[in-house]
Amino acid sequence: MSAVLEITSVSKSYPGSPPVHALEAVSLRVYSGERMAVLGPSGSGKTTLLHVAGTLERPSRGSVRIGGQEVSELSDAGLSAVRARRLGFVFQQFHLLDHLDAVQNVALGLLYGDGGRAAGRRSAAITALDRVGLGHRLGHRPAQLSGGERQRVAIARAVVGRPDVVLADEPTGNLDSATGADIVGLLGQLADDGTAVVVVTHDRAVAATMDRRVEMRDGRVVSDDGAVAS
C-alpha cells in the first residue's frame, strides 16, 4: 500500500537567538481513506507539521512526498500546482469572501488548478456543495449562513478539485459541539470516499472519532497508535 503523503525525517527551524526548533525528525505516512488526528499542546509543532505537509512552508531538513512526488525542492510555482491538484485545506477561520456566494467561494478552489472554463468550475462547485449537504444554499453569501454552513462551504472548496489529502486545522474550533460533530462526520464521509483526512485538533473527543491518533510534544511524534509498518 503506497502512501498519499509521506514525511520522512522532517525538521523545521526558525532563525532567532536562540533558533526555534518547531519540528525535530518527524516521520509519518498517510494512506488513502485514512482519518488521522494530530494532537498536542500549544507549541508542540502540530500546526507547523500541517503547514509543511501542505507545502505552505518548506522543511529545513527531510523529505515530503505527495502522491509519490518529492516536493521539498520544487519551485514556488511547482508547489502551487501540487496544492491545486492534490491538497485541500480547511481552517478554523473559514476564509470565505464575504461578497461572493457559496458557489463562487467554492469555485475559487479551482482557479489555481486545471479548473477549465468558468461554467465547468461552477458545475463542479455545485456538485461539491451538494456533497456537503448545501445544495439548497448555493446563492447565499457567508453572512447569510450559520457557522456550520460556512465550514461546510469551506470543506466543499477544499474537496472541489478531488484532492488526495484534506488537511484540516482545528476545523471545529469555532463551532458548538453539535455542529462540530456534524463537521467531523462529514470529514469521515470524505475518507469513506477515499480522500485521506488529517485533522489537527486539541479536542480528544474529535480525535477519538479518527482511525489513528498521532501525539506530538516539543516538535516530535511521541506516539502513533495506527502506524503501518513499511
Protein backbone atom coordinates (compact mmCIF):
# COMPACT_ATOMS: atom_id res chain seq x y z
CA MET A 1 0.00 0.00 0.00
CA SER A 2 1.53 3.31 -1.10
CA ALA A 3 1.24 6.46 0.96
CA VAL A 4 -0.50 9.53 -0.48
CA LEU A 5 1.51 11.69 1.94
CA GLU A 6 4.93 10.69 3.22
CA ILE A 7 7.01 12.80 5.61
CA THR A 8 10.48 11.47 6.31
CA SER A 9 12.88 12.82 8.96
CA VAL A 10 11.47 16.33 8.61
CA SER A 11 12.81 19.13 10.80
CA LYS A 12 11.77 22.77 10.75
CA SER A 13 13.69 25.59 12.44
CA TYR A 14 13.17 29.34 12.54
CA PRO A 15 16.06 31.78 12.97
CA GLY A 16 16.46 33.61 16.26
CA SER A 17 18.59 33.82 19.38
CA PRO A 18 18.29 31.00 20.11
CA PRO A 19 16.67 29.48 16.99
CA VAL A 20 13.25 27.88 17.38
CA HIS A 21 13.14 24.19 16.51
CA ALA A 22 9.48 23.61 15.67
CA LEU A 23 9.87 20.09 14.25
CA GLU A 24 12.55 17.51 15.00
CA ALA A 25 13.00 14.46 12.75
CA VAL A 26 9.28 13.79 12.21
CA SER A 27 8.29 10.84 10.01
CA LEU A 28 4.71 9.93 9.06
CA ARG A 29 2.89 8.11 6.30
CA VAL A 30 -0.75 8.77 5.46
CA TYR A 31 -2.78 6.44 3.24
CA SER A 32 -5.85 6.85 1.03
CA GLY A 33 -9.06 6.92 3.01
CA GLU A 34 -7.28 7.24 6.34
CA ARG A 35 -8.60 9.50 9.11
CA MET A 36 -5.73 10.83 11.21
CA ALA A 37 -5.82 13.18 14.19
CA VAL A 38 -2.71 15.11 15.22
CA LEU A 39 -2.82 16.07 18.90
CA GLY A 40 -0.59 18.05 21.20
CA PRO A 41 -0.43 21.13 23.42
CA SER A 42 0.18 24.63 22.10
CA GLY A 43 3.74 24.84 20.79
CA SER A 44 4.04 21.10 20.17
CA GLY A 45 4.57 21.58 16.44
CA LYS A 46 1.29 20.18 15.17
CA THR A 47 0.31 23.23 13.10
CA THR A 48 3.84 23.55 11.72
CA LEU A 49 3.63 19.90 10.70
CA LEU A 50 0.36 20.59 8.87
CA HIS A 51 1.91 23.58 7.07
CA VAL A 52 4.96 21.58 5.99
CA ALA A 53 2.79 18.64 4.91
CA GLY A 54 0.65 21.05 2.90
CA THR A 55 3.67 22.73 1.26
CA LEU A 56 2.75 26.07 2.87
CA GLU A 57 6.20 26.01 4.50
CA ARG A 58 9.37 24.26 3.39
CA PRO A 59 11.16 21.86 5.74
CA SER A 60 14.62 22.82 6.97
CA ARG A 61 15.65 19.18 6.52
CA GLY A 62 13.99 15.99 5.39
CA SER A 63 11.64 14.85 2.66
CA VAL A 64 7.96 15.45 1.85
CA ARG A 65 6.34 13.30 -0.82
CA ILE A 66 2.77 13.82 -2.02
CA GLY A 67 1.25 11.26 -4.34
CA GLY A 68 4.73 9.77 -4.70
CA GLN A 69 6.27 13.09 -5.81
CA GLU A 70 9.10 14.67 -3.84
CA VAL A 71 8.02 18.28 -3.27
CA SER A 72 10.63 19.66 -0.88
CA GLU A 73 12.75 21.20 -3.62
CA LEU A 74 10.03 22.31 -6.03
CA SER A 75 9.78 25.93 -7.13
CA ASP A 76 7.00 28.10 -5.71
CA ALA A 77 5.05 27.59 -8.94
CA GLY A 78 5.55 23.85 -8.67
CA LEU A 79 4.31 23.84 -5.08
CA SER A 80 1.25 25.86 -6.08
CA ALA A 81 0.47 23.26 -8.74
CA VAL A 82 0.77 20.42 -6.22
CA ARG A 83 -1.54 22.22 -3.79
CA ALA A 84 -4.09 22.83 -6.53
CA ARG A 85 -4.11 19.21 -7.75
CA ARG A 86 -3.50 17.10 -4.67
CA LEU A 87 -4.31 19.00 -1.46
CA GLY A 88 -7.34 20.58 0.17
CA PHE A 89 -7.25 22.85 3.23
CA VAL A 90 -9.81 23.54 5.95
CA PHE A 91 -9.06 26.05 8.71
CA GLN A 92 -10.68 27.12 11.97
CA GLN A 93 -11.32 30.52 10.37
CA PHE A 94 -13.42 29.82 7.30
CA HIS A 95 -11.58 32.23 4.97
CA LEU A 96 -14.62 32.84 2.77
CA LEU A 97 -15.02 36.03 0.75
CA ASP A 98 -18.00 37.98 2.05
CA HIS A 99 -19.01 39.43 -1.31
CA LEU A 100 -19.23 36.03 -3.03
CA ASP A 101 -21.99 33.47 -2.70
CA ALA A 102 -21.39 29.82 -1.76
CA VAL A 103 -20.91 28.62 -5.34
CA GLN A 104 -18.45 31.40 -6.14
CA ASN A 105 -16.46 30.79 -2.96
CA VAL A 106 -16.16 27.07 -3.74
CA ALA A 107 -15.27 27.69 -7.39
CA LEU A 108 -12.26 29.68 -6.18
CA GLY A 109 -10.76 26.33 -5.20
CA LEU A 110 -10.34 25.53 -8.91
CA LEU A 111 -8.80 28.78 -10.09
CA TYR A 112 -5.22 27.69 -9.45
CA GLY A 113 -5.51 24.22 -10.88
CA ASP A 114 -6.79 22.80 -14.14
CA GLY A 115 -10.24 24.14 -13.45
CA GLY A 116 -11.32 24.57 -17.05
CA ARG A 117 -13.90 27.11 -18.14
CA ALA A 118 -15.99 29.17 -15.74
CA ALA A 119 -19.12 27.10 -16.47
CA GLY A 120 -17.21 23.93 -15.60
CA ARG A 121 -15.95 25.43 -12.36
CA ARG A 122 -19.48 26.45 -11.40
CA SER A 123 -20.82 22.97 -12.14
CA ALA A 124 -18.05 21.37 -10.05
CA ALA A 125 -18.73 23.81 -7.19
CA ILE A 126 -22.44 22.96 -7.19
CA THR A 127 -21.58 19.25 -7.10
CA ALA A 128 -19.21 19.82 -4.16
CA LEU A 129 -21.84 21.81 -2.25
CA ASP A 130 -24.40 19.07 -2.86
CA ARG A 131 -21.84 16.61 -1.50
CA VAL A 132 -21.64 18.52 1.81
CA GLY A 133 -25.39 18.97 2.10
CA LEU A 134 -25.66 22.59 0.96
CA GLY A 135 -27.38 22.21 -2.39
CA HIS A 136 -30.20 24.40 -1.05
CA ARG A 137 -27.87 27.30 -0.09
CA LEU A 138 -25.99 27.85 -3.36
CA GLY A 139 -26.75 31.55 -3.74
CA HIS A 140 -26.23 32.53 -0.10
CA ARG A 141 -23.31 34.70 0.99
CA PRO A 142 -21.33 33.90 4.16
CA ALA A 143 -23.26 36.42 6.29
CA GLN A 144 -26.45 34.53 5.44
CA LEU A 145 -25.04 31.18 6.61
CA SER A 146 -24.57 29.68 10.07
CA GLY A 147 -21.10 28.82 11.34
CA GLY A 148 -21.59 25.16 10.48
CA GLU A 149 -22.81 26.03 6.99
CA ARG A 150 -19.80 28.29 6.42
CA GLN A 151 -17.49 25.45 7.44
CA ARG A 152 -19.32 23.16 5.02
CA VAL A 153 -18.69 25.71 2.25
CA ALA A 154 -15.02 25.73 3.24
CA ILE A 155 -14.93 21.93 3.09
CA ALA A 156 -16.63 21.96 -0.31
CA ARG A 157 -13.96 24.38 -1.52
CA ALA A 158 -11.26 22.04 -0.16
CA VAL A 159 -12.61 18.99 -1.99
CA VAL A 160 -13.91 20.52 -5.22
CA GLY A 161 -10.69 19.57 -7.01
CA ARG A 162 -10.89 15.99 -5.65
CA PRO A 163 -7.57 16.10 -3.76
CA ASP A 164 -5.66 13.11 -2.41
CA VAL A 165 -5.44 14.65 1.07
CA VAL A 166 -7.52 17.16 3.06
CA LEU A 167 -5.57 18.94 5.83
CA ALA A 168 -7.81 20.45 8.50
CA ASP A 169 -6.52 22.77 11.24
CA GLU A 170 -8.94 22.89 14.21
CA PRO A 171 -11.97 22.65 11.87
CA THR A 172 -14.43 22.53 14.79
CA GLY A 173 -12.76 25.19 16.92
CA ASN A 174 -15.32 27.92 16.15
CA LEU A 175 -18.38 25.66 16.32
CA ASP A 176 -20.68 24.41 19.05
CA SER A 177 -20.36 20.74 19.96
CA ALA A 178 -23.34 19.51 17.93
CA THR A 179 -22.27 21.38 14.79
CA GLY A 180 -18.69 20.29 15.33
CA ALA A 181 -19.84 16.67 15.46
CA ASP A 182 -21.61 17.17 12.12
CA ILE A 183 -18.41 18.52 10.57
CA VAL A 184 -16.38 15.59 11.93
CA GLY A 185 -18.94 13.23 10.43
CA LEU A 186 -18.67 15.00 7.10
CA LEU A 187 -14.88 14.66 7.12
CA GLY A 188 -15.36 10.98 7.85
CA GLN A 189 -17.57 10.66 4.77
CA LEU A 190 -14.77 12.17 2.67
CA ALA A 191 -12.44 9.48 3.96
CA ASP A 192 -15.03 6.82 3.14
CA ASP A 193 -14.86 8.09 -0.45
CA GLY A 194 -11.07 7.59 -0.47
CA THR A 195 -9.73 11.03 0.50
CA ALA A 196 -7.14 10.96 3.29
CA VAL A 197 -8.10 13.35 6.09
CA VAL A 198 -5.56 14.78 8.55
CA VAL A 199 -7.07 16.84 11.38
CA VAL A 200 -5.02 18.94 13.80
CA THR A 201 -7.05 19.27 16.98
CA HIS A 202 -6.78 19.80 20.72
CA ASP A 203 -10.15 18.11 21.20
CA ARG A 204 -9.76 14.49 22.26
CA ALA A 205 -13.42 13.80 21.52
CA VAL A 206 -12.75 14.74 17.89
CA ALA A 207 -9.56 12.66 17.87
CA ALA A 208 -11.44 9.64 19.22
CA THR A 209 -13.54 9.53 16.04
CA MET A 210 -10.45 9.12 13.84
CA ASP A 211 -8.81 5.87 12.73
CA ARG A 212 -5.43 6.99 14.00
CA ARG A 213 -4.09 9.39 16.59
CA VAL A 214 -0.62 10.95 16.44
CA GLU A 215 0.56 12.76 19.56
CA MET A 216 3.21 15.49 19.40
CA ARG A 217 5.40 17.06 22.08
CA ASP A 218 8.22 19.56 21.59
CA GLY A 219 8.28 19.13 17.82
CA ARG A 220 8.43 15.33 17.91
CA VAL A 221 5.98 12.49 17.42
CA VAL A 222 5.76 10.79 20.81
CA SER A 223 3.01 8.28 19.98
CA ASP A 224 1.25 6.96 16.89
CA ASP A 225 -1.43 4.37 17.53
CA GLY A 226 -2.03 3.44 13.89
CA ALA A 227 1.32 3.49 12.13
CA VAL A 228 1.61 0.99 9.29
CA ALA A 229 4.94 -0.83 9.12
CA SER A 230 6.87 -0.32 5.88
